[in-house]
Amino acid sequence: MINTNTTPALTPNVNPKLLIRGVHLSLTEAMRNALASKAERLLRHEPRIDRIRLDIELDATRGRAVFVAKGHIEIGGPDLLAAVAAEDAYKAADLLIDKLDRLIRRRTSLFKARRHREERLAEIPA
């Protein structure tokens, strides 16, 4: 028998720009919601972000369980990449979001400095 039920599955209201993935572990809804709320801060600071990919990986090869959080921000220009390791998954996620936020702020300040430098050079009479 063919299933004719075409109602979509109920999914939480998640930003389509945000991809959250667990590697070698399954993420709980609480962890996904925590990552999504923390990643919203990045989208507030830089609205031109195309996509944010967050990976939480369980690395058991170091003798003890270590969580490695990796982030990839797709934005106009070079992409921003960061990775951090911690013994707690939530701590790794916090450290990753902080690191990505610093990268975005640094990128923005470098672009502003370059723009203002070009304006100063244009004002100098030849």
Protein backbone atom coordinates (compact mmCIF):
# COMPACT_ATOMS: atom_id res chain seq x y z
CA MET A 1 0.00 0.00 0.00
CA ILE A 2 1.28 3.48 -0.88
CA ASN A 3 1.39 6.08 1.85
CA THR A 4 -0.47 9.17 0.62
CA ASN A 5 0.04 11.17 3.80
CA THR A 6 1.92 14.26 2.62
CA THR A 7 1.92 16.24 5.85
CA PRO A 8 5.47 17.28 6.70
CA ALA A 9 7.06 16.09 9.89
CA LEU A 10 6.97 18.59 12.70
CA THR A 11 10.38 20.19 13.05
CA PRO A 12 11.42 22.88 15.47
CA ASN A 13 11.80 26.41 14.18
CA VAL A 14 15.51 26.34 13.29
CA ASN A 15 17.39 28.92 11.29
CA PRO A 16 18.06 27.53 7.79
CA LYS A 17 21.52 29.15 7.84
CA LEU A 18 22.58 26.95 10.74
CA LEU A 19 23.77 23.36 10.38
CA ILE A 20 24.46 21.44 13.60
CA ARG A 21 25.98 17.98 13.49
CA GLY A 22 27.28 15.43 15.98
CA VAL A 23 30.22 13.26 14.92
CA HIS A 24 30.57 9.93 16.78
CA LEU A 25 27.74 10.94 19.10
CA SER A 26 24.08 11.82 18.84
CA LEU A 27 23.10 15.31 19.92
CA THR A 28 20.15 15.72 22.22
CA GLU A 29 17.48 18.34 21.57
CA ALA A 30 18.77 20.33 24.55
CA MET A 31 22.26 20.41 23.03
CA ARG A 32 20.89 21.40 19.62
CA ASN A 33 18.81 24.19 21.17
CA ALA A 34 21.78 25.44 23.19
CA LEU A 35 23.99 25.52 20.08
CA ALA A 36 21.28 27.26 18.05
CA SER A 37 20.75 29.96 20.68
CA LYS A 38 24.50 30.58 20.96
CA ALA A 39 24.92 30.71 17.17
CA GLU A 40 22.20 33.36 16.89
CA ARG A 41 24.69 35.76 18.47
CA LEU A 42 26.97 35.32 15.45
CA LEU A 43 24.12 36.08 13.05
CA ARG A 44 23.24 39.21 15.02
CA HIS A 45 26.81 40.50 14.77
CA GLU A 46 27.18 39.79 11.06
CA PRO A 47 23.93 39.52 9.08
CA ARG A 48 25.73 38.75 5.79
CA ILE A 49 26.68 35.25 6.92
CA ASP A 50 25.56 32.69 4.35
CA ARG A 51 25.82 29.56 6.49
CA ILE A 52 27.21 28.40 9.84
CA ARG A 53 28.19 24.75 10.30
CA LEU A 54 28.88 23.53 13.85
CA ASP A 55 30.28 20.05 14.46
CA ILE A 56 30.61 18.50 17.91
CA GLU A 57 32.89 15.47 17.76
CA LEU A 58 33.65 12.90 20.44
CA ASP A 59 37.36 12.06 20.22
CA ALA A 60 38.17 9.02 22.34
CA THR A 61 41.63 8.42 20.83
CA ARG A 62 43.43 10.71 23.27
CA GLY A 63 43.19 8.29 26.20
CA ARG A 64 40.04 9.92 27.57
CA ALA A 65 36.90 11.30 26.02
CA VAL A 66 37.46 14.80 24.64
CA PHE A 67 34.86 16.83 22.80
CA VAL A 68 36.15 18.74 19.79
CA ALA A 69 33.94 21.54 18.48
CA LYS A 70 34.56 22.73 14.93
CA GLY A 71 32.95 25.71 13.26
CA HIS A 72 32.81 26.83 9.65
CA ILE A 73 31.30 30.18 8.70
CA GLU A 74 30.58 30.75 5.03
CA ILE A 75 30.63 34.45 4.26
CA GLY A 76 31.58 36.65 1.33
CA GLY A 77 35.35 36.41 1.05
CA PRO A 78 37.43 33.80 2.81
CA ASP A 79 35.52 31.41 5.04
CA LEU A 80 36.17 31.47 8.78
CA LEU A 81 37.24 28.21 10.45
CA ALA A 82 37.82 27.43 14.12
CA ALA A 83 38.23 24.38 16.34
CA VAL A 84 38.49 23.94 20.11
CA ALA A 85 38.70 20.96 22.47
CA ALA A 86 37.31 20.54 25.97
CA GLU A 87 36.25 17.75 28.32
CA ASP A 88 32.61 18.91 28.29
CA ALA A 89 30.52 19.29 25.13
CA TYR A 90 28.77 22.45 26.33
CA LYS A 91 32.08 24.05 27.30
CA ALA A 92 33.53 23.19 23.88
CA ALA A 93 30.49 24.79 22.22
CA ASP A 94 30.86 27.96 24.34
CA LEU A 95 34.56 28.24 23.53
CA LEU A 96 33.86 27.68 19.83
CA ILE A 97 31.19 30.39 19.63
CA ASP A 98 33.49 32.82 21.46
CA LYS A 99 36.33 32.05 19.04
CA LEU A 100 34.11 32.45 15.98
CA ASP A 101 32.80 35.74 17.38
CA ARG A 102 36.38 37.01 17.78
CA LEU A 103 37.14 36.00 14.19
CA ILE A 104 34.10 37.88 12.89
CA ARG A 105 34.99 41.00 14.90
CA ARG A 106 38.60 40.88 13.69
CA ARG A 107 37.47 40.50 10.09
CA THR A 108 35.08 43.44 10.42
CA SER A 109 37.69 45.70 12.02
CA LEU A 110 40.25 44.83 9.32
CA PHE A 111 37.76 45.69 6.58
CA LYS A 112 36.90 48.99 8.27
CA ALA A 113 40.56 49.87 8.75
CA ARG A 114 41.27 49.15 5.09
CA ARG A 115 38.32 51.27 3.98
CA HIS A 116 39.38 54.22 6.13
CA ARG A 117 43.00 53.90 5.03
CA GLU A 118 41.92 54.20 1.39
CA GLU A 119 39.88 57.30 2.25
CA ARG A 120 42.92 58.93 3.89
CA LEU A 121 45.09 58.17 0.89
CA ALA A 122 42.50 59.70 -1.42
CA GLU A 123 42.51 62.98 0.57
CA ILE A 124 46.25 63.55 0.26
CA PRO A 125 46.91 66.01 -2.58
CA ALA A 126 49.51 64.90 -5.07
